Amino acid sequence: MTARIVPLLPRHARGFHAALDDVAREGRFLAMTEAPPLAAARRFIRNGVTAGSVQFVALIEETVVGWCDISRLAWSTRRHSGTLGMGVVAAQRGRGIGRALLDATLARADETGFTRVELRVRIDNLPAIKLYEHCGFEVEGTCRRYLQHEGIYYDALIMARLR
């Protein structure tokens, strides 16, 4: 079944929260190991609209199976920039959902004036790095010991896409 890529709306809050929690609990891809409370997910959606962020979800039927967002930076000197976050639940990976989410999100970012999109990705997340490179992101540096999970440190790449 093909996923639909749609803007993240308040009615998706529970599903977005559940998908975020599933990916976070894997302990491999996000800086968090569990999602913040549902109320925080609702605020993230609401504040993103107010701030001019770009937010999409992937739906299979009405179940959220992934998300991609670019949070616009608040400082007047950085309003052209945003930070990308994304994830796809494990059972749906390898089906092109991440690429579809990223394509839609970057297209909207281009339309709304973002000229820099940046991210951090664990150095051992090779599928994500390959996807980001394919979509025009370049490595700008390395954050050493960026994350620590279960006593192990992980480096992260700083990547950015300029338009």
N, C-alpha and C. Protein backbone atom coordinates (compact mmCIF):
# COMPACT_ATOMS: atom_id res chain seq x y z
N MET A 1 0.84 -1.18 0.00
CA MET A 1 0.00 0.00 0.00
C MET A 1 0.89 1.24 0.00
N THR A 2 0.54 2.22 -0.81
CA THR A 2 1.33 3.44 -0.95
C THR A 2 0.94 4.45 0.12
N ALA A 3 1.95 5.14 0.62
CA ALA A 3 1.71 6.18 1.62
C ALA A 3 1.34 7.48 0.93
N ARG A 4 0.45 8.24 1.56
CA ARG A 4 0.12 9.59 1.11
C ARG A 4 0.95 10.57 1.93
N ILE A 5 1.51 11.56 1.28
CA ILE A 5 2.29 12.59 1.96
C ILE A 5 1.40 13.82 2.05
N VAL A 6 1.12 14.25 3.28
CA VAL A 6 0.20 15.37 3.51
C VAL A 6 0.79 16.31 4.56
N PRO A 7 0.37 17.58 4.56
CA PRO A 7 0.83 18.48 5.63
C PRO A 7 0.42 17.95 7.00
N LEU A 8 1.28 18.12 7.98
CA LEU A 8 0.99 17.74 9.36
C LEU A 8 -0.03 18.71 9.93
N LEU A 9 -1.15 18.18 10.36
CA LEU A 9 -2.24 18.98 10.92
C LEU A 9 -2.50 18.56 12.36
N PRO A 10 -3.18 19.42 13.14
CA PRO A 10 -3.48 19.06 14.52
C PRO A 10 -4.18 17.69 14.65
N ARG A 11 -4.99 17.32 13.68
CA ARG A 11 -5.69 16.03 13.79
C ARG A 11 -4.74 14.83 13.69
N HIS A 12 -3.49 15.06 13.25
CA HIS A 12 -2.49 13.99 13.16
C HIS A 12 -1.65 13.86 14.43
N ALA A 13 -1.93 14.67 15.44
CA ALA A 13 -1.04 14.76 16.62
C ALA A 13 -0.81 13.40 17.28
N ARG A 14 -1.86 12.64 17.53
CA ARG A 14 -1.68 11.34 18.20
C ARG A 14 -0.83 10.39 17.36
N GLY A 15 -1.12 10.32 16.07
CA GLY A 15 -0.36 9.44 15.19
C GLY A 15 1.09 9.88 15.05
N PHE A 16 1.31 11.19 14.91
CA PHE A 16 2.66 11.73 14.85
C PHE A 16 3.42 11.37 16.13
N HIS A 17 2.77 11.57 17.26
CA HIS A 17 3.39 11.26 18.56
C HIS A 17 3.75 9.78 18.64
N ALA A 18 2.85 8.92 18.21
CA ALA A 18 3.11 7.47 18.27
C ALA A 18 4.27 7.08 17.36
N ALA A 19 4.32 7.63 16.14
CA ALA A 19 5.42 7.32 15.22
C ALA A 19 6.75 7.84 15.78
N LEU A 20 6.74 9.05 16.30
CA LEU A 20 7.94 9.62 16.90
C LEU A 20 8.43 8.74 18.05
N ASP A 21 7.51 8.28 18.88
CA ASP A 21 7.88 7.43 20.01
C ASP A 21 8.45 6.10 19.53
N ASP A 22 7.85 5.50 18.51
CA ASP A 22 8.35 4.23 17.99
C ASP A 22 9.79 4.37 17.51
N VAL A 23 10.07 5.40 16.72
CA VAL A 23 11.42 5.60 16.19
C VAL A 23 12.39 5.95 17.32
N ALA A 24 11.98 6.81 18.23
CA ALA A 24 12.85 7.20 19.34
C ALA A 24 13.25 6.00 20.18
N ARG A 25 12.32 5.11 20.45
CA ARG A 25 12.59 3.96 21.32
C ARG A 25 13.56 2.96 20.70
N GLU A 26 13.78 3.05 19.39
CA GLU A 26 14.80 2.20 18.78
C GLU A 26 16.20 2.59 19.26
N GLY A 27 16.36 3.83 19.72
CA GLY A 27 17.64 4.28 20.27
C GLY A 27 18.75 4.41 19.25
N ARG A 28 18.40 4.52 17.96
CA ARG A 28 19.44 4.56 16.92
C ARG A 28 19.42 5.81 16.06
N PHE A 29 18.28 6.47 15.96
CA PHE A 29 18.15 7.48 14.92
C PHE A 29 17.91 8.90 15.43
N LEU A 30 17.34 9.03 16.59
CA LEU A 30 16.99 10.35 17.12
C LEU A 30 17.80 10.66 18.36
N ALA A 31 17.85 11.93 18.71
CA ALA A 31 18.57 12.34 19.91
C ALA A 31 17.79 12.01 21.18
N MET A 32 16.54 11.61 21.04
CA MET A 32 15.71 11.24 22.19
C MET A 32 15.44 9.74 22.15
N THR A 33 15.18 9.16 23.30
CA THR A 33 14.88 7.72 23.35
C THR A 33 13.41 7.45 23.65
N GLU A 34 12.64 8.51 23.76
CA GLU A 34 11.19 8.40 23.83
C GLU A 34 10.61 9.76 23.44
N ALA A 35 9.40 9.74 22.95
CA ALA A 35 8.77 11.00 22.56
C ALA A 35 8.43 11.81 23.80
N PRO A 36 8.45 13.12 23.66
CA PRO A 36 7.95 13.95 24.76
C PRO A 36 6.45 13.71 24.93
N PRO A 37 5.83 14.24 25.95
CA PRO A 37 4.38 14.03 26.15
C PRO A 37 3.57 14.49 24.93
N LEU A 38 2.39 13.91 24.78
CA LEU A 38 1.50 14.25 23.67
C LEU A 38 1.24 15.75 23.60
N ALA A 39 1.09 16.41 24.74
CA ALA A 39 0.85 17.85 24.74
C ALA A 39 2.00 18.59 24.06
N ALA A 40 3.23 18.12 24.22
CA ALA A 40 4.37 18.75 23.56
C ALA A 40 4.31 18.54 22.05
N ALA A 41 3.85 17.38 21.61
CA ALA A 41 3.69 17.14 20.17
C ALA A 41 2.64 18.08 19.59
N ARG A 42 1.56 18.28 20.32
CA ARG A 42 0.52 19.22 19.87
C ARG A 42 1.09 20.64 19.76
N ARG A 43 1.88 21.05 20.76
CA ARG A 43 2.51 22.38 20.72
C ARG A 43 3.48 22.50 19.54
N PHE A 44 4.24 21.44 19.28
CA PHE A 44 5.19 21.44 18.16
C PHE A 44 4.45 21.70 16.85
N ILE A 45 3.32 21.06 16.65
CA ILE A 45 2.53 21.25 15.43
C ILE A 45 2.01 22.69 15.38
N ARG A 46 1.40 23.13 16.44
CA ARG A 46 0.83 24.48 16.49
C ARG A 46 1.90 25.56 16.32
N ASN A 47 3.00 25.44 17.04
CA ASN A 47 4.08 26.42 16.97
C ASN A 47 4.76 26.41 15.61
N GLY A 48 4.83 25.25 14.98
CA GLY A 48 5.44 25.16 13.66
C GLY A 48 4.68 25.98 12.64
N VAL A 49 3.37 25.94 12.71
CA VAL A 49 2.56 26.74 11.79
C VAL A 49 2.82 28.22 12.03
N THR A 50 2.81 28.63 13.28
CA THR A 50 3.04 30.04 13.64
C THR A 50 4.42 30.52 13.20
N ALA A 51 5.44 29.67 13.33
CA ALA A 51 6.82 30.06 13.05
C ALA A 51 7.18 29.98 11.56
N GLY A 52 6.30 29.43 10.75
CA GLY A 52 6.61 29.29 9.33
C GLY A 52 7.44 28.06 9.03
N SER A 53 7.33 27.05 9.87
CA SER A 53 8.04 25.79 9.63
C SER A 53 7.30 24.99 8.57
N VAL A 54 7.96 23.95 8.08
CA VAL A 54 7.37 23.05 7.08
C VAL A 54 7.23 21.69 7.75
N GLN A 55 6.02 21.12 7.70
CA GLN A 55 5.77 19.86 8.41
C GLN A 55 4.88 18.96 7.56
N PHE A 56 5.35 17.73 7.32
CA PHE A 56 4.57 16.74 6.58
C PHE A 56 4.56 15.42 7.33
N VAL A 57 3.54 14.61 7.05
CA VAL A 57 3.49 13.24 7.55
C VAL A 57 3.17 12.32 6.38
N ALA A 58 3.54 11.06 6.56
CA ALA A 58 3.18 10.00 5.62
C ALA A 58 2.07 9.18 6.27
N LEU A 59 0.98 8.98 5.54
CA LEU A 59 -0.16 8.22 6.04
C LEU A 59 -0.37 6.96 5.20
N ILE A 60 -0.60 5.86 5.87
CA ILE A 60 -1.12 4.67 5.21
C ILE A 60 -2.50 4.48 5.81
N GLU A 61 -3.49 4.60 4.93
CA GLU A 61 -4.87 4.80 5.35
C GLU A 61 -4.85 6.05 6.24
N GLU A 62 -5.15 5.96 7.51
CA GLU A 62 -5.09 7.16 8.36
C GLU A 62 -4.03 7.03 9.45
N THR A 63 -3.13 6.06 9.31
CA THR A 63 -2.08 5.84 10.29
C THR A 63 -0.81 6.58 9.88
N VAL A 64 -0.27 7.38 10.79
CA VAL A 64 0.99 8.08 10.53
C VAL A 64 2.12 7.07 10.61
N VAL A 65 2.88 6.96 9.51
CA VAL A 65 4.01 6.02 9.46
C VAL A 65 5.35 6.75 9.30
N GLY A 66 5.30 8.07 9.20
CA GLY A 66 6.54 8.83 9.09
C GLY A 66 6.25 10.32 9.12
N TRP A 67 7.30 11.09 9.28
CA TRP A 67 7.17 12.55 9.31
C TRP A 67 8.46 13.16 8.79
N CYS A 68 8.36 14.40 8.37
CA CYS A 68 9.52 15.19 8.00
C CYS A 68 9.16 16.64 8.26
N ASP A 69 10.04 17.34 8.92
CA ASP A 69 9.76 18.75 9.22
C ASP A 69 11.04 19.56 9.12
N ILE A 70 10.87 20.83 8.82
CA ILE A 70 11.96 21.79 8.85
C ILE A 70 11.50 22.92 9.77
N SER A 71 12.15 23.02 10.90
CA SER A 71 11.81 24.06 11.88
C SER A 71 12.60 25.32 11.54
N ARG A 72 11.85 26.38 11.23
CA ARG A 72 12.49 27.65 10.89
C ARG A 72 13.18 28.20 12.13
N LEU A 73 14.41 28.68 11.95
CA LEU A 73 15.15 29.26 13.06
C LEU A 73 14.60 30.65 13.38
N ALA A 74 14.56 30.99 14.65
CA ALA A 74 13.82 32.17 15.11
C ALA A 74 14.57 33.49 14.95
N TRP A 75 15.88 33.48 15.04
CA TRP A 75 16.62 34.74 15.01
C TRP A 75 16.49 35.40 13.65
N SER A 76 16.37 36.71 13.63
CA SER A 76 16.19 37.43 12.36
C SER A 76 17.35 37.18 11.40
N THR A 77 18.53 36.95 11.92
CA THR A 77 19.69 36.70 11.07
C THR A 77 19.73 35.27 10.51
N ARG A 78 18.84 34.41 11.01
CA ARG A 78 18.82 33.00 10.58
C ARG A 78 17.47 32.56 10.03
N ARG A 79 16.56 33.49 9.77
CA ARG A 79 15.21 33.14 9.30
C ARG A 79 15.22 32.44 7.94
N HIS A 80 16.31 32.54 7.21
CA HIS A 80 16.44 31.85 5.93
C HIS A 80 16.76 30.37 6.12
N SER A 81 17.01 29.97 7.37
CA SER A 81 17.49 28.63 7.69
C SER A 81 16.48 27.83 8.48
N GLY A 82 16.63 26.53 8.39
CA GLY A 82 15.81 25.64 9.20
C GLY A 82 16.56 24.36 9.50
N THR A 83 16.07 23.67 10.52
CA THR A 83 16.66 22.39 10.94
C THR A 83 15.69 21.27 10.59
N LEU A 84 16.20 20.26 9.90
CA LEU A 84 15.38 19.15 9.42
C LEU A 84 15.35 18.02 10.44
N GLY A 85 14.18 17.46 10.63
CA GLY A 85 14.00 16.24 11.41
C GLY A 85 13.07 15.32 10.67
N MET A 86 13.33 14.03 10.73
CA MET A 86 12.44 13.09 10.05
C MET A 86 12.58 11.69 10.63
N GLY A 87 11.61 10.87 10.31
CA GLY A 87 11.67 9.47 10.71
C GLY A 87 10.57 8.69 10.03
N VAL A 88 10.81 7.40 9.87
CA VAL A 88 9.83 6.47 9.32
C VAL A 88 9.82 5.25 10.24
N VAL A 89 8.64 4.77 10.60
CA VAL A 89 8.56 3.62 11.49
C VAL A 89 9.20 2.40 10.82
N ALA A 90 9.78 1.54 11.64
CA ALA A 90 10.60 0.43 11.14
C ALA A 90 9.89 -0.43 10.10
N ALA A 91 8.62 -0.74 10.32
CA ALA A 91 7.91 -1.65 9.42
C ALA A 91 7.70 -1.07 8.03
N GLN A 92 7.88 0.24 7.87
CA GLN A 92 7.62 0.88 6.58
C GLN A 92 8.90 1.37 5.89
N ARG A 93 10.05 1.10 6.45
CA ARG A 93 11.31 1.56 5.84
C ARG A 93 11.61 0.75 4.58
N GLY A 94 12.37 1.38 3.69
CA GLY A 94 12.79 0.71 2.46
C GLY A 94 11.73 0.72 1.38
N ARG A 95 10.69 1.52 1.54
CA ARG A 95 9.59 1.57 0.56
C ARG A 95 9.49 2.93 -0.13
N GLY A 96 10.49 3.79 0.08
CA GLY A 96 10.48 5.09 -0.57
C GLY A 96 9.73 6.17 0.19
N ILE A 97 9.25 5.86 1.38
CA ILE A 97 8.47 6.84 2.15
C ILE A 97 9.36 7.99 2.61
N GLY A 98 10.54 7.68 3.09
CA GLY A 98 11.45 8.73 3.53
C GLY A 98 11.80 9.68 2.39
N ARG A 99 12.06 9.13 1.21
CA ARG A 99 12.38 9.96 0.05
C ARG A 99 11.18 10.84 -0.33
N ALA A 100 9.99 10.27 -0.32
CA ALA A 100 8.78 11.04 -0.67
C ALA A 100 8.56 12.16 0.34
N LEU A 101 8.75 11.86 1.62
CA LEU A 101 8.61 12.88 2.66
C LEU A 101 9.64 14.00 2.48
N LEU A 102 10.87 13.61 2.26
CA LEU A 102 11.94 14.60 2.12
C LEU A 102 11.73 15.45 0.87
N ASP A 103 11.34 14.83 -0.24
CA ASP A 103 11.09 15.59 -1.47
C ASP A 103 9.99 16.63 -1.26
N ALA A 104 8.88 16.22 -0.64
CA ALA A 104 7.76 17.14 -0.42
C ALA A 104 8.16 18.28 0.52
N THR A 105 8.89 17.94 1.57
CA THR A 105 9.29 18.93 2.56
C THR A 105 10.27 19.93 1.96
N LEU A 106 11.24 19.46 1.21
CA LEU A 106 12.22 20.37 0.60
C LEU A 106 11.57 21.24 -0.47
N ALA A 107 10.63 20.68 -1.22
CA ALA A 107 9.93 21.49 -2.23
C ALA A 107 9.18 22.64 -1.56
N ARG A 108 8.47 22.34 -0.48
CA ARG A 108 7.75 23.39 0.25
C ARG A 108 8.72 24.38 0.88
N ALA A 109 9.84 23.89 1.38
CA ALA A 109 10.85 24.79 1.96
C ALA A 109 11.36 25.77 0.91
N ASP A 110 11.59 25.27 -0.29
CA ASP A 110 12.04 26.14 -1.38
C ASP A 110 10.98 27.20 -1.70
N GLU A 111 9.72 26.78 -1.72
CA GLU A 111 8.62 27.70 -2.03
C GLU A 111 8.45 28.78 -0.96
N THR A 112 8.81 28.47 0.27
CA THR A 112 8.57 29.41 1.37
C THR A 112 9.82 30.16 1.81
N GLY A 113 10.87 30.13 1.00
CA GLY A 113 12.01 31.01 1.23
C GLY A 113 13.17 30.46 2.03
N PHE A 114 13.18 29.19 2.35
CA PHE A 114 14.36 28.63 3.01
C PHE A 114 15.49 28.56 1.98
N THR A 115 16.65 29.05 2.35
CA THR A 115 17.81 28.92 1.47
C THR A 115 18.89 28.05 2.10
N ARG A 116 18.69 27.65 3.35
CA ARG A 116 19.60 26.72 4.02
C ARG A 116 18.76 25.78 4.89
N VAL A 117 18.99 24.49 4.71
CA VAL A 117 18.38 23.47 5.57
C VAL A 117 19.53 22.63 6.11
N GLU A 118 19.56 22.50 7.42
CA GLU A 118 20.65 21.77 8.06
C GLU A 118 20.11 20.62 8.90
N LEU A 119 20.98 19.68 9.21
CA LEU A 119 20.59 18.53 10.02
C LEU A 119 21.83 17.93 10.66
N ARG A 120 21.58 17.07 11.61
CA ARG A 120 22.61 16.22 12.19
C ARG A 120 22.13 14.79 12.08
N VAL A 121 23.05 13.91 11.70
CA VAL A 121 22.70 12.51 11.51
C VAL A 121 23.84 11.66 12.07
N ARG A 122 23.45 10.62 12.81
CA ARG A 122 24.48 9.73 13.35
C ARG A 122 25.33 9.18 12.23
N ILE A 123 26.61 9.13 12.47
CA ILE A 123 27.58 8.77 11.44
C ILE A 123 27.40 7.33 10.95
N ASP A 124 26.75 6.49 11.76
CA ASP A 124 26.53 5.10 11.35
C ASP A 124 25.16 4.88 10.70
N ASN A 125 24.40 5.94 10.47
CA ASN A 125 23.09 5.82 9.82
C ASN A 125 23.28 6.00 8.31
N LEU A 126 23.89 5.01 7.69
CA LEU A 126 24.28 5.11 6.28
C LEU A 126 23.10 5.27 5.32
N PRO A 127 21.96 4.60 5.53
CA PRO A 127 20.84 4.84 4.60
C PRO A 127 20.37 6.29 4.62
N ALA A 128 20.32 6.91 5.80
CA ALA A 128 19.89 8.30 5.89
C ALA A 128 20.91 9.22 5.23
N ILE A 129 22.19 8.98 5.48
CA ILE A 129 23.23 9.81 4.87
C ILE A 129 23.14 9.74 3.35
N LYS A 130 22.95 8.55 2.82
CA LYS A 130 22.83 8.38 1.37
C LYS A 130 21.61 9.14 0.83
N LEU A 131 20.49 9.06 1.53
CA LEU A 131 19.28 9.79 1.13
C LEU A 131 19.54 11.30 1.14
N TYR A 132 20.12 11.79 2.20
CA TYR A 132 20.39 13.23 2.30
C TYR A 132 21.32 13.69 1.18
N GLU A 133 22.37 12.93 0.92
CA GLU A 133 23.29 13.29 -0.16
C GLU A 133 22.57 13.30 -1.51
N HIS A 134 21.73 12.32 -1.73
CA HIS A 134 20.97 12.25 -2.98
C HIS A 134 20.06 13.47 -3.16
N CYS A 135 19.62 14.05 -2.06
CA CYS A 135 18.73 15.22 -2.10
C CYS A 135 19.49 16.54 -2.00
N GLY A 136 20.80 16.50 -2.16
CA GLY A 136 21.58 17.72 -2.25
C GLY A 136 22.25 18.18 -0.97
N PHE A 137 22.19 17.41 0.09
CA PHE A 137 22.87 17.78 1.33
C PHE A 137 24.35 17.44 1.21
N GLU A 138 25.17 18.27 1.82
CA GLU A 138 26.61 18.04 1.86
C GLU A 138 27.09 18.05 3.30
N VAL A 139 28.12 17.26 3.57
CA VAL A 139 28.70 17.21 4.91
C VAL A 139 29.48 18.50 5.16
N GLU A 140 29.20 19.13 6.28
CA GLU A 140 29.92 20.35 6.68
C GLU A 140 30.88 20.11 7.85
N GLY A 141 30.68 19.02 8.56
CA GLY A 141 31.56 18.74 9.68
C GLY A 141 31.08 17.55 10.48
N THR A 142 31.79 17.28 11.55
CA THR A 142 31.47 16.16 12.44
C THR A 142 31.36 16.66 13.87
N CYS A 143 30.31 16.23 14.55
CA CYS A 143 30.16 16.48 15.98
C CYS A 143 30.63 15.21 16.69
N ARG A 144 31.77 15.29 17.31
CA ARG A 144 32.31 14.12 18.00
C ARG A 144 31.57 13.90 19.31
N ARG A 145 31.32 12.63 19.61
CA ARG A 145 30.60 12.26 20.83
C ARG A 145 29.29 13.04 20.96
N TYR A 146 28.59 13.16 19.86
CA TYR A 146 27.36 13.95 19.82
C TYR A 146 26.26 13.33 20.70
N LEU A 147 26.15 12.01 20.67
CA LEU A 147 25.14 11.30 21.45
C LEU A 147 25.79 10.22 22.29
N GLN A 148 25.14 9.93 23.41
CA GLN A 148 25.56 8.78 24.21
C GLN A 148 24.31 7.98 24.50
N HIS A 149 24.37 6.69 24.16
CA HIS A 149 23.23 5.81 24.40
C HIS A 149 23.77 4.49 24.94
N GLU A 150 23.24 4.08 26.08
CA GLU A 150 23.64 2.84 26.74
C GLU A 150 25.16 2.75 26.89
N GLY A 151 25.77 3.88 27.27
CA GLY A 151 27.19 3.92 27.56
C GLY A 151 28.11 4.05 26.36
N ILE A 152 27.55 4.14 25.17
CA ILE A 152 28.36 4.25 23.95
C ILE A 152 28.17 5.63 23.35
N TYR A 153 29.27 6.26 22.96
CA TYR A 153 29.22 7.55 22.29
C TYR A 153 29.11 7.35 20.79
N TYR A 154 28.38 8.27 20.16
CA TYR A 154 28.22 8.25 18.70
C TYR A 154 28.52 9.64 18.15
N ASP A 155 29.28 9.67 17.07
CA ASP A 155 29.51 10.92 16.36
C ASP A 155 28.33 11.18 15.44
N ALA A 156 28.18 12.44 15.04
CA ALA A 156 27.13 12.82 14.08
C ALA A 156 27.74 13.74 13.04
N LEU A 157 27.23 13.61 11.83
CA LEU A 157 27.61 14.53 10.77
C LEU A 157 26.70 15.73 10.80
N ILE A 158 27.26 16.90 10.53
CA ILE A 158 26.48 18.10 10.26
C ILE A 158 26.37 18.16 8.75
N MET A 159 25.14 18.21 8.25
CA MET A 159 24.93 18.28 6.81
C MET A 159 24.02 19.48 6.52
N ALA A 160 24.17 20.05 5.34
CA ALA A 160 23.31 21.16 4.95
C ALA A 160 23.06 21.12 3.45
N ARG A 161 21.93 21.67 3.08
CA ARG A 161 21.54 21.86 1.68
C ARG A 161 21.31 23.35 1.49
N LEU A 162 22.03 23.92 0.53
CA LEU A 162 21.89 25.34 0.23
C LEU A 162 21.15 25.49 -1.09
N ARG A 163 20.31 26.50 -1.15
CA ARG A 163 19.57 26.77 -2.40
C ARG A 163 19.89 28.19 -2.83
